Amino acid sequence: MSETPAPEVRVAVPADFEAVAALLAELGRPAILGGPEEAAHRRRFANYLARTDAIALVAERDDRVVGFCDLEFRQRLNFLDEQAWIPDLIVSEDERSRGAGAALLARAEQLARERGCWGMGLESATWRERAHAFYERVGWTKGGYAFGRQLGGRPWPPPPPEQGSVAPTANV
């Protein structure tokens, strides 16, 4: 049996909005497609893509967006160079373990190195054990805990899916 070739990774464009929004909903984020705020979210996505301190990537296979990763460059005190931060990394359920997550992370790392970043970081919900195993497999190390406080009644990070739910159990 031959291995599946890695998908193509490219910079996201405004036309990727629907695919990215659907992937983020699959991750447990609010579903915004077809909702009353879709136009506002579409504008926000286009504005995000125009930022000079962020890059959004998509992975495509057979002309279909199958993964998304965004990368922000942030200043940390006592460091002259930036840290690369990954707010979102998601691969569609049917594409997991087929190379999209690894390809997205490799491209994100390449971009961070080109920009002179001193390191990279991301967060992952405690219950996403499959994602944690993936990060360790591709050379990332667990370096701490993330803490949060909800300020608007919106759960964060998204809670684990209920038993019998069709929601995904890992983000890569």
Protein backbone atom coordinates (compact mmCIF):
# COMPACT_ATOMS: atom_id res chain seq x y z
CA MET A 1 0.00 0.00 0.00
CA SER A 2 1.49 3.36 -1.03
CA GLU A 3 1.60 6.37 1.26
CA THR A 4 -0.69 9.29 0.55
CA PRO A 5 1.31 12.25 -0.77
CA ALA A 6 1.26 15.35 1.41
CA PRO A 7 -1.32 17.94 0.45
CA GLU A 8 -0.31 21.28 -1.05
CA VAL A 9 0.09 24.04 1.55
CA ARG A 10 -0.49 27.62 0.46
CA VAL A 11 -1.30 31.01 1.93
CA ALA A 12 -5.03 31.43 2.55
CA VAL A 13 -7.06 33.87 0.47
CA PRO A 14 -10.48 35.46 1.16
CA ALA A 15 -12.17 32.85 -1.05
CA ASP A 16 -11.15 30.20 1.52
CA PHE A 17 -13.52 31.69 4.12
CA GLU A 18 -16.27 29.05 3.85
CA ALA A 19 -13.86 26.12 4.04
CA VAL A 20 -11.95 27.62 6.99
CA ALA A 21 -15.15 28.50 8.86
CA ALA A 22 -16.42 24.93 8.38
CA LEU A 23 -13.12 23.48 9.64
CA LEU A 24 -13.16 25.70 12.73
CA ALA A 25 -16.75 24.62 13.46
CA GLU A 26 -15.55 21.02 13.20
CA LEU A 27 -12.97 21.88 15.85
CA GLY A 28 -15.78 22.97 18.18
CA ARG A 29 -15.86 26.69 17.46
CA PRO A 30 -19.17 28.49 16.84
CA ALA A 31 -20.76 27.62 13.49
CA ILE A 32 -21.05 30.91 11.60
CA LEU A 33 -21.87 29.88 8.03
CA GLY A 34 -25.41 30.86 7.14
CA GLY A 35 -25.80 32.76 10.40
CA PRO A 36 -26.73 36.41 10.89
CA GLU A 37 -23.09 37.41 11.55
CA GLU A 38 -21.54 35.58 8.59
CA ALA A 39 -20.83 38.81 6.67
CA ALA A 40 -19.04 40.33 9.69
CA HIS A 41 -16.96 37.16 10.11
CA ARG A 42 -16.13 37.18 6.40
CA ARG A 43 -14.83 40.76 6.72
CA ARG A 44 -12.86 39.85 9.83
CA PHE A 45 -11.26 36.91 7.97
CA ALA A 46 -10.24 39.19 5.08
CA ASN A 47 -8.80 41.71 7.55
CA TYR A 48 -6.89 38.94 9.32
CA LEU A 49 -5.37 37.82 6.03
CA ALA A 50 -4.14 41.39 5.43
CA ARG A 51 -2.26 41.63 8.74
CA THR A 52 1.53 41.92 8.58
CA ASP A 53 1.97 40.12 11.91
CA ALA A 54 0.02 37.01 10.91
CA ILE A 55 -0.08 34.41 8.16
CA ALA A 56 -2.91 31.98 7.47
CA LEU A 57 -2.24 28.72 5.64
CA VAL A 58 -4.50 26.10 4.10
CA ALA A 59 -3.74 22.55 3.06
CA GLU A 60 -5.42 21.38 -0.13
CA ARG A 61 -5.92 17.93 -1.56
CA ASP A 62 -7.70 17.43 -4.86
CA ASP A 63 -8.71 21.13 -4.94
CA ARG A 64 -10.40 20.85 -1.52
CA VAL A 65 -9.25 22.69 1.60
CA VAL A 66 -8.58 19.93 4.15
CA GLY A 67 -6.63 21.85 6.80
CA PHE A 68 -5.99 25.28 8.23
CA CYS A 69 -3.24 26.79 10.36
CA ASP A 70 -2.71 30.40 11.27
CA LEU A 71 0.48 31.83 12.62
CA GLU A 72 0.86 35.08 14.55
CA PHE A 73 4.12 36.79 15.39
CA ARG A 74 4.10 38.29 18.86
CA GLN A 75 6.55 40.23 20.91
CA ARG A 76 7.45 38.88 24.34
CA LEU A 77 9.18 41.06 26.89
CA ASN A 78 12.90 40.37 27.32
CA PHE A 79 13.14 38.91 23.81
CA LEU A 80 14.24 41.05 20.89
CA ASP A 81 12.93 38.50 18.39
CA GLU A 82 9.31 37.50 18.00
CA GLN A 83 7.66 34.26 19.05
CA ALA A 84 5.53 32.44 16.49
CA TRP A 85 2.13 31.53 17.90
CA ILE A 86 -0.38 29.14 16.33
CA PRO A 87 -3.91 30.11 17.40
CA ASP A 88 -5.60 27.52 15.18
CA LEU A 89 -4.62 24.21 13.62
CA ILE A 90 -7.34 21.97 12.27
CA VAL A 91 -7.48 19.14 9.78
CA SER A 92 -10.80 17.75 8.57
CA GLU A 93 -11.83 14.51 10.23
CA ASP A 94 -11.54 12.51 6.99
CA GLU A 95 -7.99 13.76 6.35
CA ARG A 96 -6.41 13.18 9.74
CA SER A 97 -3.25 11.06 9.82
CA ARG A 98 -2.69 11.64 6.09
CA GLY A 99 0.00 14.33 6.32
CA ALA A 100 -1.96 17.60 6.28
CA GLY A 101 -1.20 18.55 9.89
CA ALA A 102 2.49 17.77 9.52
CA ALA A 103 2.66 19.72 6.24
CA LEU A 104 0.95 22.75 7.80
CA LEU A 105 3.25 22.70 10.84
CA ALA A 106 6.35 22.29 8.67
CA ARG A 107 5.38 25.30 6.53
CA ALA A 108 4.55 27.34 9.65
CA GLU A 109 7.95 26.48 11.12
CA GLN A 110 9.69 27.44 7.88
CA LEU A 111 7.93 30.83 7.91
CA ALA A 112 8.79 31.38 11.59
CA ARG A 113 12.45 30.57 10.94
CA GLU A 114 12.52 32.92 7.93
CA ARG A 115 11.14 35.68 10.13
CA GLY A 116 13.80 35.04 12.79
CA CYS A 117 11.47 33.82 15.55
CA TRP A 118 13.08 32.40 18.69
CA GLY A 119 10.39 29.74 19.16
CA MET A 120 6.89 28.55 18.43
CA GLY A 121 3.93 27.78 20.63
CA LEU A 122 0.32 26.65 20.55
CA GLU A 123 -2.41 25.53 22.95
CA SER A 124 -4.47 22.36 22.80
CA ALA A 125 -7.44 21.44 24.97
CA THR A 126 -6.54 18.91 27.66
CA TRP A 127 -8.93 16.30 26.27
CA ARG A 128 -7.46 16.31 22.72
CA GLU A 129 -5.17 13.38 23.39
CA ARG A 130 -4.85 12.37 19.75
CA ALA A 131 -3.66 15.89 18.90
CA HIS A 132 -1.15 15.80 21.76
CA ALA A 133 0.30 12.53 20.46
CA PHE A 134 0.59 14.11 16.99
CA TYR A 135 2.48 17.15 18.32
CA GLU A 136 4.92 14.91 20.17
CA ARG A 137 5.38 12.72 17.08
CA VAL A 138 6.41 15.75 15.02
CA GLY A 139 8.90 16.95 17.63
CA TRP A 140 6.98 19.40 19.80
CA THR A 141 7.30 19.23 23.58
CA LYS A 142 4.76 19.93 26.27
CA GLY A 143 6.05 23.03 27.98
CA GLY A 144 3.39 24.22 30.38
CA TYR A 145 -0.23 24.70 31.20
CA ALA A 146 -2.71 27.15 29.72
CA PHE A 147 -5.23 28.82 31.97
CA GLY A 148 -8.25 30.82 30.96
CA ARG A 149 -11.17 32.76 32.31
CA GLN A 150 -14.40 33.10 30.39
CA LEU A 151 -15.68 36.66 30.21
CA GLY A 152 -18.79 36.37 28.09
CA GLY A 153 -20.40 33.04 28.83
CA ARG A 154 -18.71 31.38 25.84
CA PRO A 155 -16.88 28.20 26.89
CA TRP A 156 -13.18 28.15 26.12
CA PRO A 157 -11.57 25.97 25.13
CA PRO A 158 -14.49 24.23 23.47
CA PRO A 159 -15.64 21.37 25.68
CA PRO A 160 -15.15 17.76 24.63
CA PRO A 161 -17.92 16.27 22.53
CA GLU A 162 -20.62 14.40 24.38
CA GLN A 163 -20.74 10.61 24.22
CA GLY A 164 -22.22 9.55 20.89
CA SER A 165 -21.72 12.98 19.36
CA VAL A 166 -20.34 13.33 15.84
CA ALA A 167 -17.97 16.10 16.93
CA PRO A 168 -14.27 15.35 16.43
CA THR A 169 -12.08 14.20 19.28
CA ALA A 170 -8.81 15.69 18.04
CA ASN A 171 -7.79 18.65 15.98
CA VAL A 172 -5.21 16.99 13.73
